[in-house]
N, C-alpha and C. Protein backbone atom coordinates (compact mmCIF):
# COMPACT_ATOMS: atom_id res chain seq x y z
N UNK A 1 152.01 30.61 223.60
CA UNK A 1 151.54 31.94 223.62
C UNK A 1 151.57 32.62 222.28
N UNK A 2 152.57 32.37 221.59
CA UNK A 2 152.69 32.99 220.27
C UNK A 2 151.56 32.49 219.38
N UNK A 3 151.29 31.27 219.48
CA UNK A 3 150.24 30.76 218.63
C UNK A 3 148.88 31.27 219.07
N UNK A 4 148.68 31.56 220.35
CA UNK A 4 147.41 32.09 220.80
C UNK A 4 147.25 33.52 220.31
N UNK A 5 148.33 34.30 220.36
CA UNK A 5 148.26 35.68 219.85
C UNK A 5 148.04 35.68 218.34
N UNK A 6 148.66 34.80 217.63
CA UNK A 6 148.51 34.71 216.18
C UNK A 6 147.08 34.35 215.84
N UNK A 7 146.52 33.45 216.62
CA UNK A 7 145.15 33.03 216.34
C UNK A 7 144.20 34.18 216.64
N UNK A 8 144.46 34.97 217.70
CA UNK A 8 143.61 36.12 218.02
C UNK A 8 143.68 37.15 216.90
N UNK A 9 144.90 37.42 216.39
CA UNK A 9 145.07 38.39 215.28
C UNK A 9 144.33 37.90 214.04
N UNK A 10 144.37 36.63 213.79
CA UNK A 10 143.70 36.05 212.64
C UNK A 10 142.20 36.21 212.76
N UNK A 11 141.68 35.99 213.96
CA UNK A 11 140.24 36.15 214.17
C UNK A 11 139.83 37.60 214.00
N UNK A 12 140.62 38.54 214.48
CA UNK A 12 140.32 39.97 214.38
C UNK A 12 140.34 40.38 212.90
N UNK A 13 141.32 39.86 212.18
CA UNK A 13 141.44 40.21 210.75
C UNK A 13 140.25 39.66 209.98
N UNK A 14 139.79 38.50 210.30
CA UNK A 14 138.64 37.92 209.60
C UNK A 14 137.39 38.72 209.91
N UNK A 15 137.26 39.20 211.13
CA UNK A 15 136.10 40.01 211.48
C UNK A 15 136.12 41.33 210.74
N UNK A 16 137.28 41.93 210.51
CA UNK A 16 137.40 43.20 209.79
C UNK A 16 137.31 42.99 208.29
N UNK A 17 137.35 41.80 207.79
CA UNK A 17 137.29 41.52 206.37
C UNK A 17 138.63 41.62 205.72
N UNK A 18 139.67 41.34 206.42
CA UNK A 18 141.02 41.41 205.89
C UNK A 18 141.39 40.01 205.42
N UNK A 19 141.92 39.92 204.21
CA UNK A 19 142.28 38.63 203.64
C UNK A 19 143.64 38.19 204.12
N UNK A 20 144.12 37.11 203.53
CA UNK A 20 145.38 36.53 203.92
C UNK A 20 146.55 37.44 203.61
N UNK A 21 146.45 38.29 202.65
CA UNK A 21 147.58 39.15 202.24
C UNK A 21 147.55 40.50 202.93
N UNK A 22 146.65 40.72 203.84
CA UNK A 22 146.60 41.95 204.60
C UNK A 22 145.84 43.07 203.88
N UNK A 23 145.05 42.74 202.85
CA UNK A 23 144.29 43.74 202.11
C UNK A 23 142.83 43.60 202.51
N UNK A 24 142.17 44.71 202.77
CA UNK A 24 140.78 44.68 203.19
C UNK A 24 139.88 44.37 201.99
N UNK A 25 138.95 43.46 202.16
CA UNK A 25 138.03 43.07 201.07
C UNK A 25 137.14 44.24 200.70
N UNK A 26 136.74 45.04 201.66
CA UNK A 26 135.91 46.22 201.36
C UNK A 26 136.67 47.19 200.46
N UNK A 27 137.96 47.35 200.72
CA UNK A 27 138.78 48.22 199.87
C UNK A 27 138.86 47.67 198.45
N UNK A 28 139.05 46.36 198.35
CA UNK A 28 139.10 45.73 197.02
C UNK A 28 137.77 45.89 196.30
N UNK A 29 136.70 45.71 197.03
CA UNK A 29 135.36 45.85 196.44
C UNK A 29 135.14 47.28 195.95
N UNK A 30 135.55 48.26 196.75
CA UNK A 30 135.41 49.68 196.37
C UNK A 30 136.26 49.98 195.14
N UNK A 31 137.49 49.45 195.11
CA UNK A 31 138.34 49.68 193.95
C UNK A 31 137.76 49.01 192.71
N UNK A 32 137.22 47.81 192.89
CA UNK A 32 136.60 47.11 191.76
C UNK A 32 135.42 47.90 191.21
N UNK A 33 134.57 48.42 192.10
CA UNK A 33 133.43 49.23 191.67
C UNK A 33 133.89 50.50 190.95
N UNK A 34 134.95 51.10 191.49
CA UNK A 34 135.50 52.31 190.86
C UNK A 34 136.03 51.99 189.46
N UNK A 35 136.78 50.89 189.36
CA UNK A 35 137.27 50.49 188.03
C UNK A 35 136.12 50.17 187.09
N UNK A 36 135.10 49.53 187.63
CA UNK A 36 133.93 49.17 186.82
C UNK A 36 133.23 50.43 186.29
N UNK A 37 133.04 51.45 187.15
CA UNK A 37 132.43 52.71 186.74
C UNK A 37 133.28 53.40 185.68
N UNK A 38 134.57 53.44 185.91
CA UNK A 38 135.48 54.05 184.94
C UNK A 38 135.42 53.33 183.60
N UNK A 39 135.37 52.00 183.66
CA UNK A 39 135.30 51.22 182.43
C UNK A 39 134.01 51.52 181.67
N UNK A 40 132.88 51.61 182.38
CA UNK A 40 131.60 51.94 181.72
C UNK A 40 131.66 53.33 181.09
N UNK A 41 132.25 54.29 181.84
CA UNK A 41 132.38 55.65 181.28
C UNK A 41 133.23 55.64 180.02
N UNK A 42 134.33 54.92 180.06
CA UNK A 42 135.20 54.83 178.88
C UNK A 42 134.48 54.14 177.72
N UNK A 43 133.72 53.10 178.03
CA UNK A 43 132.95 52.42 176.98
C UNK A 43 131.92 53.36 176.37
N UNK A 44 131.24 54.16 177.20
CA UNK A 44 130.26 55.13 176.70
C UNK A 44 130.95 56.19 175.83
N UNK A 45 132.08 56.68 176.29
CA UNK A 45 132.84 57.66 175.49
C UNK A 45 133.28 57.05 174.17
N UNK A 46 133.75 55.80 174.24
CA UNK A 46 134.19 55.11 173.03
C UNK A 46 133.02 54.93 172.07
N UNK A 47 131.85 54.54 172.62
CA UNK A 47 130.66 54.35 171.78
C UNK A 47 130.23 55.68 171.16
N UNK A 48 130.24 56.74 171.96
CA UNK A 48 129.88 58.07 171.46
C UNK A 48 130.85 58.53 170.37
N UNK A 49 132.13 58.29 170.64
CA UNK A 49 133.15 58.67 169.65
C UNK A 49 132.99 57.87 168.36
N UNK A 50 132.66 56.59 168.49
CA UNK A 50 132.46 55.74 167.32
C UNK A 50 131.26 56.25 166.50
N UNK A 51 130.17 56.63 167.19
CA UNK A 51 129.00 57.15 166.49
C UNK A 51 129.33 58.46 165.77
N UNK A 52 130.06 59.33 166.45
CA UNK A 52 130.46 60.59 165.82
C UNK A 52 131.34 60.33 164.61
N UNK A 53 132.26 59.39 164.74
CA UNK A 53 133.13 59.04 163.63
C UNK A 53 132.34 58.48 162.46
N UNK A 54 131.33 57.68 162.76
CA UNK A 54 130.49 57.11 161.71
C UNK A 54 129.73 58.22 160.98
N UNK A 55 129.20 59.18 161.72
CA UNK A 55 128.49 60.32 161.09
C UNK A 55 129.46 61.11 160.23
N UNK A 56 130.66 61.33 160.74
CA UNK A 56 131.67 62.08 159.98
C UNK A 56 132.02 61.33 158.70
N UNK A 57 132.19 60.01 158.79
CA UNK A 57 132.51 59.22 157.60
C UNK A 57 131.39 59.29 156.58
N UNK A 58 130.14 59.20 157.05
CA UNK A 58 128.99 59.29 156.13
C UNK A 58 128.96 60.65 155.45
N UNK A 59 129.21 61.71 156.22
CA UNK A 59 129.24 63.05 155.64
C UNK A 59 130.36 63.19 154.62
N UNK A 60 131.52 62.60 154.94
CA UNK A 60 132.64 62.68 154.01
C UNK A 60 132.31 61.93 152.71
N UNK A 61 131.67 60.78 152.83
CA UNK A 61 131.30 60.02 151.63
C UNK A 61 130.29 60.81 150.81
N UNK A 62 129.32 61.40 151.50
CA UNK A 62 128.31 62.21 150.79
C UNK A 62 128.97 63.40 150.10
N UNK A 63 129.87 64.07 150.81
CA UNK A 63 130.57 65.22 150.21
C UNK A 63 131.45 64.78 149.05
N UNK A 64 132.08 63.63 149.19
CA UNK A 64 132.93 63.13 148.10
C UNK A 64 132.10 62.84 146.86
N UNK A 65 130.93 62.24 147.04
CA UNK A 65 130.04 61.98 145.90
C UNK A 65 129.60 63.28 145.25
N UNK A 66 129.21 64.22 146.09
CA UNK A 66 128.77 65.52 145.58
C UNK A 66 129.89 66.21 144.82
N UNK A 67 131.08 66.20 145.41
CA UNK A 67 132.23 66.83 144.76
C UNK A 67 132.58 66.12 143.46
N UNK A 68 132.45 64.81 143.47
CA UNK A 68 132.75 64.04 142.27
C UNK A 68 131.80 64.41 141.13
N UNK A 69 130.52 64.54 141.45
CA UNK A 69 129.56 64.91 140.41
C UNK A 69 129.80 66.34 139.92
N UNK A 70 130.16 67.23 140.84
CA UNK A 70 130.46 68.60 140.45
C UNK A 70 131.70 68.65 139.56
N UNK A 71 132.70 67.87 139.90
CA UNK A 71 133.93 67.84 139.10
C UNK A 71 133.61 67.28 137.71
N UNK A 72 132.78 66.25 137.65
CA UNK A 72 132.39 65.69 136.35
C UNK A 72 131.67 66.73 135.50
N UNK A 73 130.78 67.48 136.12
CA UNK A 73 130.05 68.54 135.42
C UNK A 73 131.03 69.60 134.92
N UNK A 74 131.95 70.00 135.77
CA UNK A 74 132.93 71.01 135.38
C UNK A 74 133.83 70.51 134.25
N UNK A 75 134.23 69.26 134.30
CA UNK A 75 135.06 68.69 133.24
C UNK A 75 134.30 68.71 131.92
N UNK A 76 133.02 68.36 131.95
CA UNK A 76 132.20 68.37 130.73
C UNK A 76 132.05 69.80 130.19
N UNK A 77 131.83 70.76 131.08
CA UNK A 77 131.72 72.15 130.66
C UNK A 77 133.04 72.64 130.05
N UNK A 78 134.15 72.25 130.62
CA UNK A 78 135.46 72.64 130.08
C UNK A 78 135.64 72.06 128.69
N UNK A 79 135.22 70.79 128.51
CA UNK A 79 135.31 70.18 127.18
C UNK A 79 134.50 70.96 126.16
N UNK A 80 133.27 71.33 126.56
CA UNK A 80 132.41 72.10 125.66
C UNK A 80 133.04 73.46 125.34
N UNK A 81 133.61 74.10 126.36
CA UNK A 81 134.26 75.39 126.14
C UNK A 81 135.44 75.26 125.18
N UNK A 82 136.19 74.19 125.32
CA UNK A 82 137.33 73.97 124.42
C UNK A 82 136.84 73.78 122.99
N UNK A 83 135.76 73.03 122.82
CA UNK A 83 135.20 72.85 121.47
C UNK A 83 134.73 74.19 120.91
N UNK A 84 134.05 74.96 121.74
CA UNK A 84 133.59 76.28 121.30
C UNK A 84 134.77 77.18 120.93
N UNK A 85 135.82 77.14 121.74
CA UNK A 85 137.01 77.94 121.44
C UNK A 85 137.63 77.50 120.12
N UNK A 86 137.66 76.21 119.89
CA UNK A 86 138.21 75.69 118.63
C UNK A 86 137.38 76.18 117.45
N UNK A 87 136.05 76.16 117.59
CA UNK A 87 135.18 76.66 116.53
C UNK A 87 135.42 78.15 116.28
N UNK A 88 135.56 78.91 117.35
CA UNK A 88 135.80 80.36 117.21
C UNK A 88 137.13 80.60 116.50
N UNK A 89 138.16 79.84 116.87
CA UNK A 89 139.46 79.99 116.21
C UNK A 89 139.35 79.68 114.72
N UNK A 90 138.64 78.60 114.39
CA UNK A 90 138.46 78.25 112.98
C UNK A 90 137.74 79.35 112.22
N UNK A 91 136.72 79.93 112.83
CA UNK A 91 135.96 81.01 112.17
C UNK A 91 136.83 82.25 111.99
N UNK A 92 137.66 82.55 112.99
CA UNK A 92 138.57 83.69 112.84
C UNK A 92 139.58 83.46 111.72
N UNK A 93 140.06 82.24 111.62
CA UNK A 93 140.99 81.93 110.53
C UNK A 93 140.31 82.08 109.18
N UNK A 94 139.07 81.61 109.08
CA UNK A 94 138.31 81.76 107.84
C UNK A 94 138.09 83.22 107.51
N UNK A 95 137.73 84.01 108.51
CA UNK A 95 137.53 85.44 108.28
C UNK A 95 138.83 86.11 107.84
N UNK A 96 139.95 85.71 108.43
CA UNK A 96 141.23 86.29 108.06
C UNK A 96 141.57 85.98 106.61
N UNK A 97 141.32 84.75 106.18
CA UNK A 97 141.60 84.42 104.77
C UNK A 97 140.66 85.16 103.85
N UNK A 98 139.41 85.36 104.26
CA UNK A 98 138.48 86.12 103.42
C UNK A 98 138.87 87.59 103.35
N UNK A 99 139.35 88.14 104.46
CA UNK A 99 139.78 89.54 104.44
C UNK A 99 140.97 89.74 103.51
N UNK A 100 141.81 88.74 103.41
CA UNK A 100 142.96 88.85 102.52
C UNK A 100 142.49 88.95 101.08
N UNK A 101 141.41 88.23 100.75
CA UNK A 101 140.93 88.22 99.36
C UNK A 101 140.00 89.39 99.05
N UNK A 102 139.64 90.21 100.00
CA UNK A 102 138.77 91.36 99.72
C UNK A 102 139.60 92.52 99.16
N UNK A 103 138.88 93.47 98.58
CA UNK A 103 139.56 94.61 97.97
C UNK A 103 140.12 95.53 99.04
N UNK A 104 141.29 96.05 98.74
CA UNK A 104 141.92 96.98 99.68
C UNK A 104 141.42 98.38 99.37
N UNK A 105 141.74 99.29 100.22
CA UNK A 105 141.28 100.67 100.05
C UNK A 105 141.80 101.26 98.74
N UNK A 106 143.04 100.97 98.41
CA UNK A 106 143.62 101.50 97.17
C UNK A 106 142.88 100.95 95.95
N UNK A 107 142.56 99.63 96.00
CA UNK A 107 141.81 99.02 94.90
C UNK A 107 140.45 99.68 94.75
N UNK A 108 139.82 99.96 95.87
CA UNK A 108 138.51 100.60 95.83
C UNK A 108 138.61 102.02 95.25
N UNK A 109 139.67 102.74 95.58
CA UNK A 109 139.87 104.10 95.06
C UNK A 109 140.04 104.06 93.53
N UNK A 110 140.77 103.06 93.04
CA UNK A 110 140.97 102.92 91.59
C UNK A 110 139.63 102.67 90.92
N UNK A 111 138.84 101.77 91.46
CA UNK A 111 137.51 101.49 90.89
C UNK A 111 136.62 102.73 90.92
N UNK A 112 136.70 103.49 91.98
CA UNK A 112 135.90 104.71 92.11
C UNK A 112 136.26 105.70 91.00
N UNK A 113 137.57 105.85 90.72
CA UNK A 113 138.00 106.76 89.65
C UNK A 113 137.46 106.32 88.30
N UNK A 114 137.50 105.01 88.02
CA UNK A 114 136.96 104.50 86.74
C UNK A 114 135.47 104.76 86.64
N UNK A 115 134.74 104.54 87.73
CA UNK A 115 133.29 104.76 87.70
C UNK A 115 133.01 106.23 87.46
N UNK A 116 133.74 107.12 88.11
CA UNK A 116 133.53 108.54 87.91
C UNK A 116 133.90 108.95 86.48
N UNK A 117 134.91 108.32 85.92
CA UNK A 117 135.33 108.63 84.56
C UNK A 117 134.28 108.17 83.55
N UNK A 118 133.74 107.02 83.70
CA UNK A 118 132.76 106.47 82.74
C UNK A 118 131.37 107.07 82.93
N UNK A 119 131.06 107.52 84.05
CA UNK A 119 129.75 108.06 84.40
C UNK A 119 128.63 107.13 83.93
N UNK A 120 128.47 106.02 84.57
CA UNK A 120 127.47 105.04 84.14
C UNK A 120 126.04 105.56 84.25
N UNK A 121 125.85 106.65 84.94
CA UNK A 121 124.51 107.22 85.03
C UNK A 121 124.06 107.74 83.66
N UNK A 122 125.04 108.15 82.85
CA UNK A 122 124.71 108.66 81.52
C UNK A 122 124.48 107.54 80.51
N UNK A 123 124.77 106.31 80.85
CA UNK A 123 124.52 105.19 79.95
C UNK A 123 123.02 104.96 79.86
N UNK A 124 122.62 104.41 78.70
CA UNK A 124 121.20 104.10 78.49
C UNK A 124 121.04 102.60 78.35
N UNK A 125 119.85 102.14 78.63
CA UNK A 125 119.57 100.71 78.50
C UNK A 125 119.04 100.44 77.11
N UNK A 126 118.95 99.21 76.70
CA UNK A 126 118.40 98.82 75.39
C UNK A 126 116.97 99.28 75.25
N UNK A 127 116.24 99.15 76.28
CA UNK A 127 114.83 99.57 76.21
C UNK A 127 114.71 101.07 75.96
N UNK A 128 115.60 101.83 76.64
CA UNK A 128 115.57 103.28 76.43
C UNK A 128 115.96 103.62 74.99
N UNK A 129 116.97 102.91 74.47
CA UNK A 129 117.41 103.15 73.08
C UNK A 129 116.27 102.81 72.12
N UNK A 130 115.62 101.70 72.34
CA UNK A 130 114.51 101.31 71.46
C UNK A 130 113.38 102.33 71.54
N UNK A 131 113.09 102.82 72.68
CA UNK A 131 112.04 103.82 72.84
C UNK A 131 112.42 105.11 72.12
N UNK A 132 113.68 105.51 72.28
CA UNK A 132 114.14 106.74 71.61
C UNK A 132 114.07 106.57 70.09
N UNK A 133 114.52 105.40 69.61
CA UNK A 133 114.49 105.15 68.16
C UNK A 133 113.06 105.18 67.66
N UNK A 134 112.16 104.59 68.33
CA UNK A 134 110.74 104.60 67.93
C UNK A 134 110.19 106.01 67.93
N UNK A 135 110.60 106.77 68.90
CA UNK A 135 110.12 108.14 68.99
C UNK A 135 110.62 108.96 67.81
N UNK A 136 111.89 108.79 67.50
CA UNK A 136 112.47 109.53 66.37
C UNK A 136 111.80 109.08 65.08
N UNK A 137 111.58 107.82 64.89
CA UNK A 137 110.94 107.30 63.68
C UNK A 137 109.51 107.81 63.58
N UNK A 138 108.85 107.87 64.66
CA UNK A 138 107.46 108.37 64.60
C UNK A 138 107.43 109.86 64.31
N UNK A 139 108.41 110.62 64.75
CA UNK A 139 108.47 112.03 64.43
C UNK A 139 108.78 112.23 62.97
N UNK A 140 109.63 111.41 62.39
CA UNK A 140 109.97 111.52 60.98
C UNK A 140 108.77 111.16 60.13
N UNK A 141 108.02 110.25 60.54
CA UNK A 141 106.83 109.85 59.79
C UNK A 141 105.79 110.97 59.82
N UNK A 142 105.76 111.67 60.83
CA UNK A 142 104.82 112.76 60.95
C UNK A 142 105.24 113.91 60.05
N UNK A 143 106.42 114.01 59.73
CA UNK A 143 106.91 115.09 58.89
C UNK A 143 106.80 114.74 57.49
């Protein structure tokens, strides 16, 4: 009897799709399909994330190149500015040494006093002296 009941239970389980371990094949199939769907969704998300990451990497490389060229340009401009600053410093030093050798206000005042004392406006040129001498000689000849 026990074996007849066992055989009946076995037949009923096979008709319901129950395997040897007491798990329904339909349940396993449903779980497998669910796992399969989840796996595809995860693969799609992974693929989408990979594409986004690739775009981000390309943008970063492009930005890095752009920044690198801008930095190079700025470095060159800084070099030029330093050279210009050096030239300006040299010119200021030259001007300072020239100012030292120029006449001071006191020196100019002394020269002004001498010029006023001599009154160079009253001086005559050689040509004027020769003309005056000729004029005087011609007047004497007329007399």
